[in-house]
Amino acid sequence: MKLTRVEYEFFDFEEPSATASELARQLRLHFADAPTLYLSWTWERQHSLDDQPYSIGRSTCSYCQDEPATVMDASNTPPWSRHLGCQVTVGYLPSALPAFEHQVIEVRSAGDPTFVFSMGDDRVWISDTSPIPEDACAAMASRSGNTA
């Protein structure tokens, strides 16, 4: 899928910013050759603790029924500009631990990935760094035979 634009949606109580690293609503990934993907926190597929009831979801339909108060183009910000015009993959980061299942979506082009995650919160977080602890990453690598 060739990424053409990234938009952040905001509720009226949020401070809109194209450089936000936390969203209470959702973000949109637009593609030249595929439907728009919406990434948002959700109650779907949650395997975490009861006090962390949310996961990150992806859909070709909006997770919100109402219109956003503000939509900002975040395409040219550091997490996304390196992916623009590139073929990207969008998928859940595998986890050896049930608490991390469906918590992290990795957007990857030829370069470094961008991570979109919930980690049990009713928020969408955006980062260049995986939120999964190092020891969990090491456990996943050893299970898959990847020790690099």
N, C-alpha and C. Protein backbone atom coordinates (compact mmCIF):
# COMPACT_ATOMS: atom_id res chain seq x y z
N MET A 1 0.85 -1.18 0.00
CA MET A 1 0.00 0.00 0.00
C MET A 1 0.89 1.23 0.00
N LYS A 2 0.62 2.14 -0.90
CA LYS A 2 1.43 3.35 -1.02
C LYS A 2 0.79 4.47 -0.19
N LEU A 3 1.49 4.88 0.88
CA LEU A 3 0.97 5.89 1.80
C LEU A 3 1.03 7.28 1.18
N THR A 4 -0.10 7.98 1.17
CA THR A 4 -0.15 9.32 0.58
C THR A 4 -0.42 10.43 1.59
N ARG A 5 -1.06 10.11 2.72
CA ARG A 5 -1.39 11.16 3.70
C ARG A 5 -1.73 10.51 5.05
N VAL A 6 -1.41 11.24 6.12
CA VAL A 6 -1.76 10.82 7.47
C VAL A 6 -2.50 11.98 8.13
N GLU A 7 -3.67 11.68 8.69
CA GLU A 7 -4.46 12.71 9.36
C GLU A 7 -4.77 12.29 10.78
N TYR A 8 -4.72 13.26 11.69
CA TYR A 8 -5.12 13.05 13.08
C TYR A 8 -6.49 13.67 13.29
N GLU A 9 -7.38 12.95 13.93
CA GLU A 9 -8.70 13.46 14.30
C GLU A 9 -8.70 13.82 15.79
N PHE A 10 -9.37 14.92 16.11
CA PHE A 10 -9.42 15.38 17.50
C PHE A 10 -10.86 15.62 17.94
N PHE A 11 -11.12 15.32 19.22
CA PHE A 11 -12.37 15.72 19.86
C PHE A 11 -12.27 17.19 20.23
N ASP A 12 -13.40 17.82 20.57
CA ASP A 12 -13.38 19.25 20.90
C ASP A 12 -12.64 19.56 22.20
N PHE A 13 -12.43 18.59 23.07
CA PHE A 13 -11.71 18.85 24.32
C PHE A 13 -10.19 18.69 24.18
N GLU A 14 -9.73 18.27 23.00
CA GLU A 14 -8.30 18.09 22.77
C GLU A 14 -7.67 19.35 22.17
N GLU A 15 -6.38 19.50 22.41
CA GLU A 15 -5.61 20.58 21.79
C GLU A 15 -5.04 20.05 20.48
N PRO A 16 -5.60 20.46 19.33
CA PRO A 16 -5.14 19.91 18.04
C PRO A 16 -3.69 20.28 17.75
N SER A 17 -2.94 19.29 17.26
CA SER A 17 -1.55 19.51 16.87
C SER A 17 -1.14 18.42 15.89
N ALA A 18 -0.50 18.82 14.81
CA ALA A 18 0.00 17.84 13.84
C ALA A 18 1.15 17.04 14.42
N THR A 19 1.76 17.52 15.49
CA THR A 19 2.88 16.82 16.11
C THR A 19 2.47 16.08 17.38
N ALA A 20 1.19 15.91 17.60
CA ALA A 20 0.71 15.21 18.80
C ALA A 20 1.25 13.78 18.82
N SER A 21 1.59 13.30 20.01
CA SER A 21 2.01 11.91 20.16
C SER A 21 0.93 11.10 20.88
N GLU A 22 -0.16 11.78 21.22
CA GLU A 22 -1.29 11.15 21.92
C GLU A 22 -2.59 11.70 21.36
N LEU A 23 -3.50 10.81 21.00
CA LEU A 23 -4.81 11.20 20.48
C LEU A 23 -5.89 10.51 21.30
N ALA A 24 -6.94 11.22 21.61
CA ALA A 24 -8.08 10.61 22.29
C ALA A 24 -9.05 10.00 21.27
N ARG A 25 -8.90 10.35 20.01
CA ARG A 25 -9.85 9.91 18.99
C ARG A 25 -9.24 8.83 18.09
N GLN A 26 -8.73 9.20 16.91
CA GLN A 26 -8.17 8.23 15.97
C GLN A 26 -7.32 8.93 14.94
N LEU A 27 -6.58 8.13 14.16
CA LEU A 27 -5.84 8.68 13.03
C LEU A 27 -6.24 7.93 11.78
N ARG A 28 -5.96 8.57 10.64
CA ARG A 28 -6.31 7.98 9.33
C ARG A 28 -5.05 7.85 8.50
N LEU A 29 -4.87 6.69 7.89
CA LEU A 29 -3.80 6.47 6.92
C LEU A 29 -4.45 6.39 5.54
N HIS A 30 -4.08 7.30 4.65
CA HIS A 30 -4.63 7.32 3.29
C HIS A 30 -3.61 6.71 2.33
N PHE A 31 -4.10 5.92 1.39
CA PHE A 31 -3.25 5.22 0.44
C PHE A 31 -3.67 5.51 -0.99
N ALA A 32 -2.70 5.44 -1.91
CA ALA A 32 -2.99 5.65 -3.33
C ALA A 32 -3.71 4.44 -3.92
N ASP A 33 -3.48 3.26 -3.35
CA ASP A 33 -3.94 2.03 -3.96
C ASP A 33 -4.73 1.12 -3.02
N ALA A 34 -5.24 1.68 -1.93
CA ALA A 34 -6.01 0.89 -0.96
C ALA A 34 -6.95 1.82 -0.19
N PRO A 35 -7.97 1.26 0.44
CA PRO A 35 -8.88 2.10 1.24
C PRO A 35 -8.16 2.73 2.43
N THR A 36 -8.69 3.84 2.90
CA THR A 36 -8.19 4.50 4.10
C THR A 36 -8.29 3.55 5.28
N LEU A 37 -7.26 3.54 6.13
CA LEU A 37 -7.29 2.77 7.37
C LEU A 37 -7.42 3.73 8.55
N TYR A 38 -8.34 3.40 9.45
CA TYR A 38 -8.53 4.15 10.69
C TYR A 38 -7.88 3.34 11.81
N LEU A 39 -7.05 4.00 12.61
CA LEU A 39 -6.42 3.36 13.76
C LEU A 39 -6.91 4.07 15.01
N SER A 40 -7.47 3.30 15.95
CA SER A 40 -8.05 3.89 17.16
C SER A 40 -7.99 2.90 18.31
N TRP A 41 -8.09 3.42 19.52
CA TRP A 41 -8.26 2.55 20.69
C TRP A 41 -9.66 1.96 20.62
N THR A 42 -9.81 0.77 21.16
CA THR A 42 -11.08 0.07 21.05
C THR A 42 -11.21 -0.94 22.20
N TRP A 43 -12.38 -1.47 22.36
CA TRP A 43 -12.63 -2.53 23.34
C TRP A 43 -12.47 -3.92 22.72
N GLU A 44 -12.20 -3.99 21.43
CA GLU A 44 -12.09 -5.26 20.72
C GLU A 44 -10.82 -6.01 21.12
N ARG A 45 -10.87 -7.33 21.10
CA ARG A 45 -9.71 -8.22 21.22
C ARG A 45 -8.79 -7.89 22.38
N GLN A 46 -9.35 -7.59 23.51
CA GLN A 46 -8.52 -7.21 24.65
C GLN A 46 -8.19 -8.43 25.51
N HIS A 47 -6.92 -8.59 25.83
CA HIS A 47 -6.47 -9.70 26.67
C HIS A 47 -5.66 -9.20 27.86
N SER A 48 -5.78 -7.94 28.17
CA SER A 48 -4.96 -7.35 29.22
C SER A 48 -5.69 -7.36 30.56
N LEU A 49 -5.14 -6.64 31.51
CA LEU A 49 -5.71 -6.56 32.84
C LEU A 49 -7.06 -5.84 32.82
N ASP A 50 -7.90 -6.11 33.81
CA ASP A 50 -9.22 -5.49 33.87
C ASP A 50 -9.15 -3.97 33.97
N ASP A 51 -8.09 -3.43 34.57
CA ASP A 51 -7.98 -1.98 34.70
C ASP A 51 -7.35 -1.34 33.46
N GLN A 52 -7.06 -2.16 32.44
CA GLN A 52 -6.54 -1.68 31.16
C GLN A 52 -7.35 -2.34 30.04
N PRO A 53 -8.62 -1.94 29.89
CA PRO A 53 -9.53 -2.69 29.03
C PRO A 53 -9.47 -2.39 27.53
N TYR A 54 -8.49 -1.63 27.06
CA TYR A 54 -8.50 -1.21 25.66
C TYR A 54 -7.37 -1.82 24.86
N SER A 55 -7.58 -1.90 23.56
CA SER A 55 -6.55 -2.34 22.62
C SER A 55 -6.52 -1.36 21.46
N ILE A 56 -5.62 -1.58 20.51
CA ILE A 56 -5.58 -0.72 19.32
C ILE A 56 -6.25 -1.49 18.19
N GLY A 57 -7.07 -0.79 17.43
CA GLY A 57 -7.78 -1.43 16.34
C GLY A 57 -7.50 -0.76 15.02
N ARG A 58 -7.75 -1.48 13.94
CA ARG A 58 -7.63 -0.91 12.60
C ARG A 58 -8.83 -1.35 11.78
N SER A 59 -9.34 -0.42 10.98
CA SER A 59 -10.54 -0.69 10.21
C SER A 59 -10.59 0.23 8.99
N THR A 60 -11.32 -0.18 7.97
CA THR A 60 -11.55 0.70 6.82
C THR A 60 -12.75 1.61 7.08
N CYS A 61 -13.35 1.47 8.24
CA CYS A 61 -14.46 2.34 8.66
C CYS A 61 -14.04 3.10 9.91
N SER A 62 -14.57 4.28 10.08
CA SER A 62 -14.27 5.07 11.26
C SER A 62 -14.78 4.38 12.51
N TYR A 63 -14.04 4.51 13.60
CA TYR A 63 -14.49 3.99 14.89
C TYR A 63 -15.46 4.95 15.56
N CYS A 64 -15.56 6.17 15.06
CA CYS A 64 -16.40 7.20 15.67
C CYS A 64 -17.62 7.48 14.80
N GLN A 65 -18.76 7.66 15.44
CA GLN A 65 -19.99 7.93 14.70
C GLN A 65 -20.16 9.41 14.38
N ASP A 66 -19.59 10.28 15.20
CA ASP A 66 -19.72 11.72 14.97
C ASP A 66 -18.52 12.24 14.19
N GLU A 67 -18.66 13.45 13.69
CA GLU A 67 -17.56 14.09 12.96
C GLU A 67 -16.53 14.62 13.95
N PRO A 68 -15.26 14.59 13.58
CA PRO A 68 -14.24 15.14 14.49
C PRO A 68 -14.37 16.66 14.59
N ALA A 69 -13.96 17.20 15.74
CA ALA A 69 -13.96 18.66 15.91
C ALA A 69 -12.90 19.28 15.00
N THR A 70 -11.76 18.58 14.87
CA THR A 70 -10.65 19.07 14.04
C THR A 70 -9.97 17.88 13.39
N VAL A 71 -9.53 18.07 12.15
CA VAL A 71 -8.70 17.10 11.45
C VAL A 71 -7.43 17.84 11.03
N MET A 72 -6.27 17.27 11.36
CA MET A 72 -5.00 17.89 11.00
C MET A 72 -4.17 16.93 10.17
N ASP A 73 -3.52 17.48 9.15
CA ASP A 73 -2.62 16.70 8.32
C ASP A 73 -1.30 16.55 9.07
N ALA A 74 -0.93 15.32 9.38
CA ALA A 74 0.32 15.04 10.10
C ALA A 74 1.35 14.38 9.18
N SER A 75 1.11 14.42 7.89
CA SER A 75 1.95 13.71 6.92
C SER A 75 3.42 14.13 6.97
N ASN A 76 3.68 15.40 7.17
CA ASN A 76 5.05 15.90 7.11
C ASN A 76 5.74 15.98 8.46
N THR A 77 5.21 15.26 9.45
CA THR A 77 5.83 15.24 10.77
C THR A 77 6.81 14.05 10.85
N PRO A 78 7.76 14.10 11.79
CA PRO A 78 8.79 13.05 11.85
C PRO A 78 8.30 11.60 11.87
N PRO A 79 7.22 11.26 12.58
CA PRO A 79 6.83 9.84 12.55
C PRO A 79 6.35 9.36 11.19
N TRP A 80 5.90 10.28 10.34
CA TRP A 80 5.23 9.87 9.10
C TRP A 80 5.93 10.27 7.81
N SER A 81 6.69 11.34 7.79
CA SER A 81 7.24 11.86 6.53
C SER A 81 8.12 10.84 5.81
N ARG A 82 8.84 10.01 6.54
CA ARG A 82 9.71 9.01 5.90
C ARG A 82 8.93 7.92 5.18
N HIS A 83 7.65 7.77 5.50
CA HIS A 83 6.81 6.74 4.87
C HIS A 83 6.02 7.26 3.66
N LEU A 84 5.90 8.58 3.54
CA LEU A 84 5.09 9.16 2.46
C LEU A 84 5.61 8.76 1.09
N GLY A 85 4.71 8.34 0.22
CA GLY A 85 5.07 7.93 -1.12
C GLY A 85 5.68 6.54 -1.20
N CYS A 86 5.80 5.88 -0.06
CA CYS A 86 6.41 4.55 -0.01
C CYS A 86 5.36 3.46 0.16
N GLN A 87 5.75 2.27 -0.23
CA GLN A 87 4.95 1.09 0.07
C GLN A 87 5.13 0.79 1.56
N VAL A 88 4.03 0.64 2.28
CA VAL A 88 4.11 0.35 3.71
C VAL A 88 3.33 -0.92 4.03
N THR A 89 3.72 -1.54 5.13
CA THR A 89 2.93 -2.62 5.71
C THR A 89 2.37 -2.09 7.02
N VAL A 90 1.16 -2.53 7.33
CA VAL A 90 0.49 -2.12 8.56
C VAL A 90 0.01 -3.39 9.24
N GLY A 91 0.57 -3.69 10.40
CA GLY A 91 0.17 -4.93 11.06
C GLY A 91 0.45 -4.91 12.54
N TYR A 92 -0.21 -5.82 13.24
CA TYR A 92 0.01 -5.94 14.68
C TYR A 92 1.41 -6.46 14.95
N LEU A 93 2.06 -5.87 15.93
CA LEU A 93 3.36 -6.36 16.38
C LEU A 93 3.12 -7.65 17.15
N PRO A 94 3.76 -8.75 16.75
CA PRO A 94 3.53 -10.01 17.45
C PRO A 94 3.99 -9.92 18.90
N SER A 95 3.34 -10.69 19.75
CA SER A 95 3.69 -10.67 21.16
C SER A 95 3.68 -12.08 21.73
N ALA A 96 4.71 -12.37 22.51
CA ALA A 96 4.76 -13.65 23.22
C ALA A 96 3.92 -13.59 24.49
N LEU A 97 3.57 -12.39 24.91
CA LEU A 97 2.82 -12.20 26.14
C LEU A 97 1.39 -11.79 25.83
N PRO A 98 0.38 -12.49 26.36
CA PRO A 98 -1.01 -12.15 26.08
C PRO A 98 -1.38 -10.70 26.39
N ALA A 99 -0.77 -10.11 27.40
CA ALA A 99 -1.10 -8.73 27.78
C ALA A 99 -0.77 -7.73 26.68
N PHE A 100 0.15 -8.10 25.76
CA PHE A 100 0.55 -7.18 24.69
C PHE A 100 -0.11 -7.49 23.35
N GLU A 101 -0.95 -8.52 23.30
CA GLU A 101 -1.64 -8.85 22.04
C GLU A 101 -2.57 -7.71 21.66
N HIS A 102 -2.54 -7.35 20.38
CA HIS A 102 -3.41 -6.30 19.82
C HIS A 102 -3.23 -4.96 20.52
N GLN A 103 -2.02 -4.69 21.00
CA GLN A 103 -1.74 -3.42 21.66
C GLN A 103 -0.90 -2.49 20.79
N VAL A 104 -0.17 -3.05 19.82
CA VAL A 104 0.77 -2.26 19.02
C VAL A 104 0.60 -2.58 17.54
N ILE A 105 0.41 -1.54 16.74
CA ILE A 105 0.40 -1.67 15.29
C ILE A 105 1.67 -1.02 14.77
N GLU A 106 2.38 -1.75 13.91
CA GLU A 106 3.60 -1.24 13.31
C GLU A 106 3.31 -0.82 11.87
N VAL A 107 3.68 0.42 11.54
CA VAL A 107 3.62 0.92 10.16
C VAL A 107 5.06 0.96 9.69
N ARG A 108 5.38 0.18 8.65
CA ARG A 108 6.77 0.06 8.22
C ARG A 108 6.90 0.24 6.72
N SER A 109 7.87 1.06 6.34
CA SER A 109 8.28 1.16 4.94
C SER A 109 9.71 0.63 4.89
N ALA A 110 10.50 1.03 3.91
CA ALA A 110 11.87 0.54 3.80
C ALA A 110 12.72 0.98 4.99
N GLY A 111 12.36 2.07 5.64
CA GLY A 111 13.14 2.58 6.76
C GLY A 111 12.61 2.11 8.09
N ASP A 112 12.81 2.94 9.09
CA ASP A 112 12.38 2.61 10.44
C ASP A 112 10.87 2.61 10.57
N PRO A 113 10.35 1.83 11.52
CA PRO A 113 8.89 1.76 11.71
C PRO A 113 8.36 2.93 12.53
N THR A 114 7.06 3.12 12.44
CA THR A 114 6.31 3.98 13.34
C THR A 114 5.33 3.07 14.07
N PHE A 115 5.23 3.26 15.38
CA PHE A 115 4.36 2.43 16.20
C PHE A 115 3.14 3.23 16.64
N VAL A 116 1.97 2.61 16.51
CA VAL A 116 0.71 3.19 16.96
C VAL A 116 0.16 2.19 17.97
N PHE A 117 -0.15 2.67 19.19
CA PHE A 117 -0.50 1.72 20.23
C PHE A 117 -1.45 2.32 21.26
N SER A 118 -2.05 1.41 22.05
CA SER A 118 -2.95 1.78 23.13
C SER A 118 -2.36 1.41 24.48
N MET A 119 -1.80 0.19 24.58
CA MET A 119 -1.23 -0.34 25.83
C MET A 119 -2.24 -0.26 26.98
N GLY A 120 -3.50 -0.56 26.66
CA GLY A 120 -4.53 -0.61 27.68
C GLY A 120 -5.23 0.69 27.96
N ASP A 121 -4.76 1.80 27.39
CA ASP A 121 -5.36 3.12 27.63
C ASP A 121 -6.43 3.45 26.60
N ASP A 122 -7.30 4.38 26.96
CA ASP A 122 -8.29 4.88 26.01
C ASP A 122 -7.67 6.05 25.24
N ARG A 123 -6.52 5.78 24.64
CA ARG A 123 -5.75 6.75 23.88
C ARG A 123 -5.04 6.02 22.74
N VAL A 124 -4.69 6.79 21.72
CA VAL A 124 -3.82 6.32 20.65
C VAL A 124 -2.49 7.04 20.84
N TRP A 125 -1.43 6.28 20.94
CA TRP A 125 -0.08 6.83 21.09
C TRP A 125 0.68 6.59 19.80
N ILE A 126 1.55 7.52 19.42
CA ILE A 126 2.36 7.42 18.21
C ILE A 126 3.82 7.60 18.62
N SER A 127 4.69 6.68 18.18
CA SER A 127 6.10 6.75 18.59
C SER A 127 6.99 6.05 17.59
N ASP A 128 8.27 6.44 17.59
CA ASP A 128 9.28 5.74 16.81
C ASP A 128 9.84 4.54 17.56
N THR A 129 9.48 4.41 18.83
CA THR A 129 9.99 3.36 19.69
C THR A 129 8.86 2.43 20.11
N SER A 130 9.10 1.14 20.05
CA SER A 130 8.09 0.19 20.48
C SER A 130 7.86 0.31 21.98
N PRO A 131 6.61 0.29 22.42
CA PRO A 131 6.32 0.37 23.85
C PRO A 131 6.47 -0.97 24.58
N ILE A 132 6.73 -2.04 23.83
CA ILE A 132 6.87 -3.34 24.45
C ILE A 132 8.24 -3.41 25.12
N PRO A 133 8.29 -3.77 26.38
CA PRO A 133 9.56 -3.81 27.11
C PRO A 133 10.60 -4.69 26.43
N GLU A 134 11.87 -4.32 26.60
CA GLU A 134 12.98 -5.04 25.98
C GLU A 134 12.95 -6.54 26.26
N ASP A 135 12.66 -6.93 27.52
CA ASP A 135 12.66 -8.36 27.85
C ASP A 135 11.58 -9.11 27.08
N ALA A 136 10.45 -8.44 26.81
CA ALA A 136 9.40 -9.08 26.02
C ALA A 136 9.84 -9.22 24.57
N CYS A 137 10.54 -8.20 24.04
CA CYS A 137 11.05 -8.28 22.67
C CYS A 137 12.08 -9.40 22.55
N ALA A 138 12.95 -9.54 23.55
CA ALA A 138 13.96 -10.60 23.53
C ALA A 138 13.29 -11.98 23.56
N ALA A 139 12.24 -12.11 24.37
CA ALA A 139 11.52 -13.38 24.45
C ALA A 139 10.88 -13.71 23.10
N MET A 140 10.31 -12.70 22.45
CA MET A 140 9.68 -12.93 21.15
C MET A 140 10.74 -13.33 20.13
N ALA A 141 11.90 -12.67 20.14
CA ALA A 141 12.97 -12.97 19.17
C ALA A 141 13.48 -14.39 19.36
N SER A 142 13.68 -14.81 20.60
CA SER A 142 14.20 -16.15 20.83
C SER A 142 13.19 -17.22 20.43
N ARG A 143 11.91 -16.94 20.59
CA ARG A 143 10.88 -17.90 20.19
C ARG A 143 10.82 -18.05 18.69
N SER A 144 11.13 -16.95 17.96
CA SER A 144 11.05 -16.99 16.50
C SER A 144 12.41 -17.37 15.89
N GLY A 145 13.45 -17.54 16.73
CA GLY A 145 14.77 -17.91 16.22
C GLY A 145 15.59 -16.72 15.78
N ASN A 146 15.09 -15.51 15.95
CA ASN A 146 15.81 -14.29 15.56
C ASN A 146 16.56 -13.75 16.77
N THR A 147 17.87 -13.87 16.75
CA THR A 147 18.67 -13.42 17.90
C THR A 147 19.43 -12.15 17.59
N ALA A 148 19.25 -11.57 16.44
CA ALA A 148 19.97 -10.35 16.07
C ALA A 148 19.43 -9.14 16.79
